Every structure is written in structure tokens, then in C-alpha cells.
Amino acid sequence: MESSSEELRGNLFHTKIMTIVKGEDPSNINDDTSIYLGSHNFSPSAWGHIDHEQEAVSINNWEFGVVFGPQKDSKAMK
């Protein structure tokens, strides 16, 4: 079943975006910039936390995300 634009109007998307840049200017996107696009909430439940007693990482839910990390000649793509 396909959805029309009218059916989707008013829906809030569950997407998060995080940009990591060097320096004080957040608009300075360059080869060293990292960009995350995904649906994780920014919390320990979503990203996981280290359980020191069991020496393991505990993750309470799974979500999808993509990271565009630092890479030579990647400024134009980012």
C-alpha cells in the first residue's frame, strides 16, 4: 500500500542528525567532519553502556544509523 504526501502530512520523523566538526565554526564541513544520520535517541538505552560487573556492553534496543566518518576528499559529499 502506497502512502500519498497528504497522508504523511503532520507526521514527525524519528530521524536524528549529529555533526562533529573541528574548531568552533559548526558550518565548517570538511574532510575531517563526521556526520551521523539515524533513528537512535541520544541516551544510554539506545547507544549502550558498559556493564563493569559483567565486562560487557548492555544495549536495551536496536535502531539503525549511518556514520559518514573522516575521509580524504569527502567534503563535497558531506
PDB file of N, CA and C in Angstrom:
ATOM      1  N   MET A   1       0.846  -1.176   0.000  1.00  0.00           N
ATOM      2  CA  MET A   1       0.000   0.000   0.000  1.00  0.00           C
ATOM      3  C   MET A   1       0.892   1.238   0.000  1.00  0.00           C
ATOM      4  N   GLU A   2       0.679   2.114  -0.943  1.00  0.00           N
ATOM      5  CA  GLU A   2       1.470   3.330  -1.051  1.00  0.00           C
ATOM      6  C   GLU A   2       0.812   4.457  -0.266  1.00  0.00           C
ATOM      7  N   SER A   3       1.637   5.327   0.294  1.00  0.00           N
ATOM      8  CA  SER A   3       1.133   6.487   1.029  1.00  0.00           C
ATOM      9  C   SER A   3       1.326   7.729   0.184  1.00  0.00           C
ATOM     10  N   SER A   4       0.360   8.591   0.198  1.00  0.00           N
ATOM     11  CA  SER A   4       0.493   9.856  -0.514  1.00  0.00           C
ATOM     12  C   SER A   4       1.102  10.899   0.414  1.00  0.00           C
ATOM     13  N   SER A   5       1.555  11.988  -0.165  1.00  0.00           N
ATOM     14  CA  SER A   5       2.100  13.089   0.633  1.00  0.00           C
ATOM     15  C   SER A   5       1.069  13.617   1.610  1.00  0.00           C
ATOM     16  N   GLU A   6      -0.192  13.622   1.201  1.00  0.00           N
ATOM     17  CA  GLU A   6      -1.257  14.128   2.054  1.00  0.00           C
ATOM     18  C   GLU A   6      -1.432  13.248   3.289  1.00  0.00           C
ATOM     19  N   GLU A   7      -1.283  11.934   3.121  1.00  0.00           N
ATOM     20  CA  GLU A   7      -1.406  11.011   4.252  1.00  0.00           C
ATOM     21  C   GLU A   7      -0.265  11.186   5.253  1.00  0.00           C
ATOM     22  N   LEU A   8       0.910  11.578   4.767  1.00  0.00           N
ATOM     23  CA  LEU A   8       2.083  11.731   5.628  1.00  0.00           C
ATOM     24  C   LEU A   8       2.184  13.114   6.259  1.00  0.00           C
ATOM     25  N   ARG A   9       1.405  14.056   5.792  1.00  0.00           N
ATOM     26  CA  ARG A   9       1.471  15.431   6.303  1.00  0.00           C
ATOM     27  C   ARG A   9       1.199  15.431   7.812  1.00  0.00           C
ATOM     28  N   GLY A  10       2.036  16.119   8.555  1.00  0.00           N
ATOM     29  CA  GLY A  10       1.861  16.210  10.001  1.00  0.00           C
ATOM     30  C   GLY A  10       2.591  15.126  10.782  1.00  0.00           C
ATOM     31  N   ASN A  11       3.123  14.105  10.104  1.00  0.00           N
ATOM     32  CA  ASN A  11       3.892  13.080  10.806  1.00  0.00           C
ATOM     33  C   ASN A  11       5.271  13.607  11.144  1.00  0.00           C
ATOM     34  N   LEU A  12       5.717  13.335  12.329  1.00  0.00           N
ATOM     35  CA  LEU A  12       7.065  13.709  12.733  1.00  0.00           C
ATOM     36  C   LEU A  12       7.990  12.531  12.485  1.00  0.00           C
ATOM     37  N   PHE A  13       9.078  12.770  11.819  1.00  0.00           N
ATOM     38  CA  PHE A  13      10.028  11.711  11.533  1.00  0.00           C
ATOM     39  C   PHE A  13      10.928  11.485  12.733  1.00  0.00           C
ATOM     40  N   HIS A  14      11.384  10.287  12.890  1.00  0.00           N
ATOM     41  CA  HIS A  14      12.176   9.860  14.045  1.00  0.00           C
ATOM     42  C   HIS A  14      13.673   9.878  13.714  1.00  0.00           C
ATOM     43  N   THR A  15      14.114  10.864  12.948  1.00  0.00           N
ATOM     44  CA  THR A  15      15.495  10.924  12.493  1.00  0.00           C
ATOM     45  C   THR A  15      16.308  11.882  13.351  1.00  0.00           C
ATOM     46  N   LYS A  16      17.516  11.463  13.688  1.00  0.00           N
ATOM     47  CA  LYS A  16      18.452  12.317  14.418  1.00  0.00           C
ATOM     48  C   LYS A  16      19.649  12.575  13.500  1.00  0.00           C
ATOM     49  N   ILE A  17      20.227  13.752  13.624  1.00  0.00           N
ATOM     50  CA  ILE A  17      21.428  14.104  12.871  1.00  0.00           C
ATOM     51  C   ILE A  17      22.438  14.681  13.847  1.00  0.00           C
ATOM     52  N   MET A  18      23.674  14.175  13.781  1.00  0.00           N
ATOM     53  CA  MET A  18      24.742  14.695  14.624  1.00  0.00           C
ATOM     54  C   MET A  18      25.933  14.988  13.717  1.00  0.00           C
ATOM     55  N   THR A  19      26.505  16.170  13.865  1.00  0.00           N
ATOM     56  CA  THR A  19      27.674  16.563  13.097  1.00  0.00           C
ATOM     57  C   THR A  19      28.816  16.859  14.061  1.00  0.00           C
ATOM     58  N   ILE A  20      29.971  16.277  13.793  1.00  0.00           N
ATOM     59  CA  ILE A  20      31.158  16.515  14.615  1.00  0.00           C
ATOM     60  C   ILE A  20      32.180  17.212  13.734  1.00  0.00           C
ATOM     61  N   VAL A  21      32.516  18.446  14.100  1.00  0.00           N
ATOM     62  CA  VAL A  21      33.463  19.244  13.323  1.00  0.00           C
ATOM     63  C   VAL A  21      34.630  19.671  14.200  1.00  0.00           C
ATOM     64  N   LYS A  22      35.758  19.958  13.571  1.00  0.00           N
ATOM     65  CA  LYS A  22      36.904  20.515  14.295  1.00  0.00           C
ATOM     66  C   LYS A  22      36.759  22.023  14.331  1.00  0.00           C
ATOM     67  N   GLY A  23      37.138  22.628  15.442  1.00  0.00           N
ATOM     68  CA  GLY A  23      37.094  24.077  15.559  1.00  0.00           C
ATOM     69  C   GLY A  23      35.770  24.569  16.113  1.00  0.00           C
ATOM     70  N   GLU A  24      35.612  25.878  16.132  1.00  0.00           N
ATOM     71  CA  GLU A  24      34.443  26.500  16.752  1.00  0.00           C
ATOM     72  C   GLU A  24      33.316  26.788  15.779  1.00  0.00           C
ATOM     73  N   ASP A  25      33.558  26.718  14.469  1.00  0.00           N
ATOM     74  CA  ASP A  25      32.538  27.048  13.473  1.00  0.00           C
ATOM     75  C   ASP A  25      31.817  25.769  13.037  1.00  0.00           C
ATOM     76  N   PRO A  26      30.558  25.549  13.492  1.00  0.00           N
ATOM     77  CA  PRO A  26      29.846  24.317  13.150  1.00  0.00           C
ATOM     78  C   PRO A  26      29.500  24.188  11.664  1.00  0.00           C
ATOM     79  N   SER A  27      29.610  25.280  10.913  1.00  0.00           N
ATOM     80  CA  SER A  27      29.317  25.203   9.479  1.00  0.00           C
ATOM     81  C   SER A  27      30.548  24.830   8.663  1.00  0.00           C
ATOM     82  N   ASN A  28      31.684  24.621   9.323  1.00  0.00           N
ATOM     83  CA  ASN A  28      32.926  24.296   8.629  1.00  0.00           C
ATOM     84  C   ASN A  28      33.012  22.783   8.361  1.00  0.00           C
ATOM     85  N   ILE A  29      32.249  22.307   7.381  1.00  0.00           N
ATOM     86  CA  ILE A  29      32.266  20.898   6.998  1.00  0.00           C
ATOM     87  C   ILE A  29      33.483  20.666   6.112  1.00  0.00           C
ATOM     88  N   ASN A  30      34.302  19.668   6.474  1.00  0.00           N
ATOM     89  CA  ASN A  30      35.490  19.364   5.687  1.00  0.00           C
ATOM     90  C   ASN A  30      35.763  17.856   5.721  1.00  0.00           C
ATOM     91  N   ASP A  31      36.912  17.437   5.216  1.00  0.00           N
ATOM     92  CA  ASP A  31      37.267  16.011   5.163  1.00  0.00           C
ATOM     93  C   ASP A  31      37.294  15.370   6.551  1.00  0.00           C
ATOM     94  N   ASP A  32      37.577  16.157   7.593  1.00  0.00           N
ATOM     95  CA  ASP A  32      37.679  15.618   8.957  1.00  0.00           C
ATOM     96  C   ASP A  32      36.329  15.534   9.673  1.00  0.00           C
ATOM     97  N   THR A  33      35.280  16.057   9.082  1.00  0.00           N
ATOM     98  CA  THR A  33      33.956  16.073   9.695  1.00  0.00           C
ATOM     99  C   THR A  33      33.347  14.675   9.733  1.00  0.00           C
ATOM    100  N   SER A  34      32.650  14.361  10.825  1.00  0.00           N
ATOM    101  CA  SER A  34      31.857  13.130  10.919  1.00  0.00           C
ATOM    102  C   SER A  34      30.387  13.518  10.999  1.00  0.00           C
ATOM    103  N   ILE A  35      29.539  12.775  10.280  1.00  0.00           N
ATOM    104  CA  ILE A  35      28.105  13.033  10.284  1.00  0.00           C
ATOM    105  C   ILE A  35      27.388  11.720  10.580  1.00  0.00           C
ATOM    106  N   TYR A  36      26.448  11.758  11.527  1.00  0.00           N
ATOM    107  CA  TYR A  36      25.617  10.600  11.863  1.00  0.00           C
ATOM    108  C   TYR A  36      24.175  10.898  11.478  1.00  0.00           C
ATOM    109  N   LEU A  37      23.541   9.969  10.773  1.00  0.00           N
ATOM    110  CA  LEU A  37      22.122  10.050  10.438  1.00  0.00           C
ATOM    111  C   LEU A  37      21.481   8.756  10.909  1.00  0.00           C
ATOM    112  N   GLY A  38      20.443   8.849  11.709  1.00  0.00           N
ATOM    113  CA  GLY A  38      19.805   7.630  12.173  1.00  0.00           C
ATOM    114  C   GLY A  38      18.613   7.903  13.050  1.00  0.00           C
ATOM    115  N   SER A  39      18.136   6.850  13.684  1.00  0.00           N
ATOM    116  CA  SER A  39      16.926   6.962  14.493  1.00  0.00           C
ATOM    117  C   SER A  39      17.183   6.793  15.989  1.00  0.00           C
ATOM    118  N   HIS A  40      18.435   6.584  16.386  1.00  0.00           N
ATOM    119  CA  HIS A  40      18.755   6.437  17.810  1.00  0.00           C
ATOM    120  C   HIS A  40      18.381   7.686  18.591  1.00  0.00           C
ATOM    121  N   ASN A  41      17.860   7.485  19.764  1.00  0.00           N
ATOM    122  CA  ASN A  41      17.774   8.580  20.716  1.00  0.00           C
ATOM    123  C   ASN A  41      19.168   8.747  21.298  1.00  0.00           C
ATOM    124  N   PHE A  42      19.497   9.911  21.760  1.00  0.00           N
ATOM    125  CA  PHE A  42      20.815  10.143  22.341  1.00  0.00           C
ATOM    126  C   PHE A  42      20.770   9.819  23.830  1.00  0.00           C
ATOM    127  N   SER A  43      20.698   8.521  24.139  1.00  0.00           N
ATOM    128  CA  SER A  43      20.600   8.063  25.521  1.00  0.00           C
ATOM    129  C   SER A  43      21.376   6.759  25.684  1.00  0.00           C
ATOM    130  N   PRO A  44      21.742   6.401  26.914  1.00  0.00           N
ATOM    131  CA  PRO A  44      22.440   5.131  27.140  1.00  0.00           C
ATOM    132  C   PRO A  44      21.619   3.914  26.709  1.00  0.00           C
ATOM    133  N   SER A  45      20.300   3.988  26.781  1.00  0.00           N
ATOM    134  CA  SER A  45      19.477   2.851  26.347  1.00  0.00           C
ATOM    135  C   SER A  45      19.683   2.549  24.869  1.00  0.00           C
ATOM    136  N   ALA A  46      19.789   3.590  24.075  1.00  0.00           N
ATOM    137  CA  ALA A  46      19.935   3.407  22.635  1.00  0.00           C
ATOM    138  C   ALA A  46      21.383   3.161  22.219  1.00  0.00           C
ATOM    139  N   TRP A  47      22.336   3.849  22.826  1.00  0.00           N
ATOM    140  CA  TRP A  47      23.738   3.739  22.432  1.00  0.00           C
ATOM    141  C   TRP A  47      24.470   2.662  23.209  1.00  0.00           C
ATOM    142  N   GLY A  48      23.913   2.233  24.329  1.00  0.00           N
ATOM    143  CA  GLY A  48      24.545   1.198  25.144  1.00  0.00           C
ATOM    144  C   GLY A  48      25.387   1.797  26.253  1.00  0.00           C
ATOM    145  N   HIS A  49      25.684   0.974  27.239  1.00  0.00           N
ATOM    146  CA  HIS A  49      26.575   1.392  28.316  1.00  0.00           C
ATOM    147  C   HIS A  49      27.387   0.179  28.759  1.00  0.00           C
ATOM    148  N   ILE A  50      28.551   0.437  29.315  1.00  0.00           N
ATOM    149  CA  ILE A  50      29.445  -0.638  29.736  1.00  0.00           C
ATOM    150  C   ILE A  50      29.006  -1.135  31.105  1.00  0.00           C
ATOM    151  N   ASP A  51      28.769  -2.433  31.193  1.00  0.00           N
ATOM    152  CA  ASP A  51      28.424  -3.083  32.457  1.00  0.00           C
ATOM    153  C   ASP A  51      29.732  -3.603  33.040  1.00  0.00           C
ATOM    154  N   HIS A  52      30.289  -2.862  33.995  1.00  0.00           N
ATOM    155  CA  HIS A  52      31.607  -3.201  34.544  1.00  0.00           C
ATOM    156  C   HIS A  52      31.606  -4.514  35.316  1.00  0.00           C
ATOM    157  N   GLU A  53      30.480  -4.884  35.913  1.00  0.00           N
ATOM    158  CA  GLU A  53      30.419  -6.140  36.670  1.00  0.00           C
ATOM    159  C   GLU A  53      30.505  -7.351  35.744  1.00  0.00           C
ATOM    160  N   GLN A  54      29.871  -7.264  34.575  1.00  0.00           N
ATOM    161  CA  GLN A  54      29.878  -8.381  33.644  1.00  0.00           C
ATOM    162  C   GLN A  54      30.895  -8.182  32.522  1.00  0.00           C
ATOM    163  N   GLU A  55      31.596  -7.058  32.529  1.00  0.00           N
ATOM    164  CA  GLU A  55      32.570  -6.709  31.497  1.00  0.00           C
ATOM    165  C   GLU A  55      31.966  -6.859  30.103  1.00  0.00           C
ATOM    166  N   ALA A  56      30.804  -6.235  29.930  1.00  0.00           N
ATOM    167  CA  ALA A  56      30.089  -6.316  28.663  1.00  0.00           C
ATOM    168  C   ALA A  56      29.408  -4.983  28.364  1.00  0.00           C
ATOM    169  N   VAL A  57      28.973  -4.824  27.127  1.00  0.00           N
ATOM    170  CA  VAL A  57      28.192  -3.663  26.735  1.00  0.00           C
ATOM    171  C   VAL A  57      26.724  -4.058  26.779  1.00  0.00           C
ATOM    172  N   SER A  58      25.914  -3.235  27.429  1.00  0.00           N
ATOM    173  CA  SER A  58      24.481  -3.501  27.535  1.00  0.00           C
ATOM    174  C   SER A  58      23.729  -2.528  26.635  1.00  0.00           C
ATOM    175  N   ILE A  59      22.934  -3.075  25.695  1.00  0.00           N
ATOM    176  CA  ILE A  59      22.127  -2.259  24.789  1.00  0.00           C
ATOM    177  C   ILE A  59      20.684  -2.710  24.943  1.00  0.00           C
ATOM    178  N   ASN A  60      19.790  -1.772  25.253  1.00  0.00           N
ATOM    179  CA  ASN A  60      18.397  -2.113  25.524  1.00  0.00           C
ATOM    180  C   ASN A  60      17.499  -2.113  24.294  1.00  0.00           C
ATOM    181  N   ASN A  61      17.907  -1.466  23.218  1.00  0.00           N
ATOM    182  CA  ASN A  61      17.112  -1.509  21.990  1.00  0.00           C
ATOM    183  C   ASN A  61      18.028  -1.336  20.788  1.00  0.00           C
ATOM    184  N   TRP A  62      17.525  -1.707  19.640  1.00  0.00           N
ATOM    185  CA  TRP A  62      18.307  -1.632  18.395  1.00  0.00           C
ATOM    186  C   TRP A  62      17.641  -0.650  17.450  1.00  0.00           C
ATOM    187  N   GLU A  63      18.460   0.194  16.846  1.00  0.00           N
ATOM    188  CA  GLU A  63      17.963   1.113  15.845  1.00  0.00           C
ATOM    189  C   GLU A  63      19.019   1.229  14.761  1.00  0.00           C
ATOM    190  N   PHE A  64      18.692   1.911  13.697  1.00  0.00           N
ATOM    191  CA  PHE A  64      19.568   1.982  12.534  1.00  0.00           C
ATOM    192  C   PHE A  64      20.187   3.361  12.411  1.00  0.00           C
ATOM    193  N   GLY A  65      21.455   3.396  12.060  1.00  0.00           N
ATOM    194  CA  GLY A  65      22.137   4.659  11.832  1.00  0.00           C
ATOM    195  C   GLY A  65      23.289   4.480  10.859  1.00  0.00           C
ATOM    196  N   VAL A  66      23.690   5.569  10.234  1.00  0.00           N
ATOM    197  CA  VAL A  66      24.799   5.567   9.285  1.00  0.00           C
ATOM    198  C   VAL A  66      25.757   6.674   9.698  1.00  0.00           C
ATOM    199  N   VAL A  67      27.052   6.370   9.699  1.00  0.00           N
ATOM    200  CA  VAL A  67      28.072   7.364  10.016  1.00  0.00           C
ATOM    201  C   VAL A  67      28.919   7.610   8.775  1.00  0.00           C
ATOM    202  N   PHE A  68      29.056   8.875   8.408  1.00  0.00           N
ATOM    203  CA  PHE A  68      29.985   9.293   7.376  1.00  0.00           C
ATOM    204  C   PHE A  68      31.184   9.874   8.122  1.00  0.00           C
ATOM    205  N   GLY A  69      32.231   9.095   8.249  1.00  0.00           N
ATOM    206  CA  GLY A  69      33.388   9.487   9.043  1.00  0.00           C
ATOM    207  C   GLY A  69      34.401  10.296   8.254  1.00  0.00           C
ATOM    208  N   PRO A  70      35.477  10.681   8.947  1.00  0.00           N
ATOM    209  CA  PRO A  70      36.550  11.410   8.274  1.00  0.00           C
ATOM    210  C   PRO A  70      37.113  10.570   7.123  1.00  0.00           C
ATOM    211  N   GLN A  71      37.280  11.201   5.981  1.00  0.00           N
ATOM    212  CA  GLN A  71      37.837  10.506   4.823  1.00  0.00           C
ATOM    213  C   GLN A  71      38.371  11.535   3.856  1.00  0.00           C
ATOM    214  N   LYS A  72      39.513  11.240   3.265  1.00  0.00           N
ATOM    215  CA  LYS A  72      40.127  12.150   2.299  1.00  0.00           C
ATOM    216  C   LYS A  72      39.181  12.405   1.120  1.00  0.00           C
ATOM    217  N   ASP A  73      39.080  13.644   0.708  1.00  0.00           N
ATOM    218  CA  ASP A  73      38.246  14.088  -0.422  1.00  0.00           C
ATOM    219  C   ASP A  73      36.750  13.815  -0.216  1.00  0.00           C
ATOM    220  N   SER A  74      36.259  13.888   1.031  1.00  0.00           N
ATOM    221  CA  SER A  74      34.841  13.638   1.301  1.00  0.00           C
ATOM    222  C   SER A  74      34.041  14.915   1.573  1.00  0.00           C
ATOM    223  N   LYS A  75      34.678  16.074   1.551  1.00  0.00           N
ATOM    224  CA  LYS A  75      33.988  17.329   1.890  1.00  0.00           C
ATOM    225  C   LYS A  75      32.794  17.577   0.981  1.00  0.00           C
ATOM    226  N   ALA A  76      32.949  17.400  -0.319  1.00  0.00           N
ATOM    227  CA  ALA A  76      31.853  17.687  -1.256  1.00  0.00           C
ATOM    228  C   ALA A  76      30.663  16.774  -1.023  1.00  0.00           C
ATOM    229  N   MET A  77      30.907  15.513  -0.705  1.00  0.00           N
ATOM    230  CA  MET A  77      29.822  14.556  -0.447  1.00  0.00           C
ATOM    231  C   MET A  77      29.075  14.935   0.831  1.00  0.00           C
ATOM    232  N   LYS A  78      29.812  15.374   1.848  1.00  0.00           N
ATOM    233  CA  LYS A  78      29.188  15.728   3.133  1.00  0.00           C
ATOM    234  C   LYS A  78      28.441  17.023   3.003  1.00  0.00           C
TER     235      LYS A  78
END
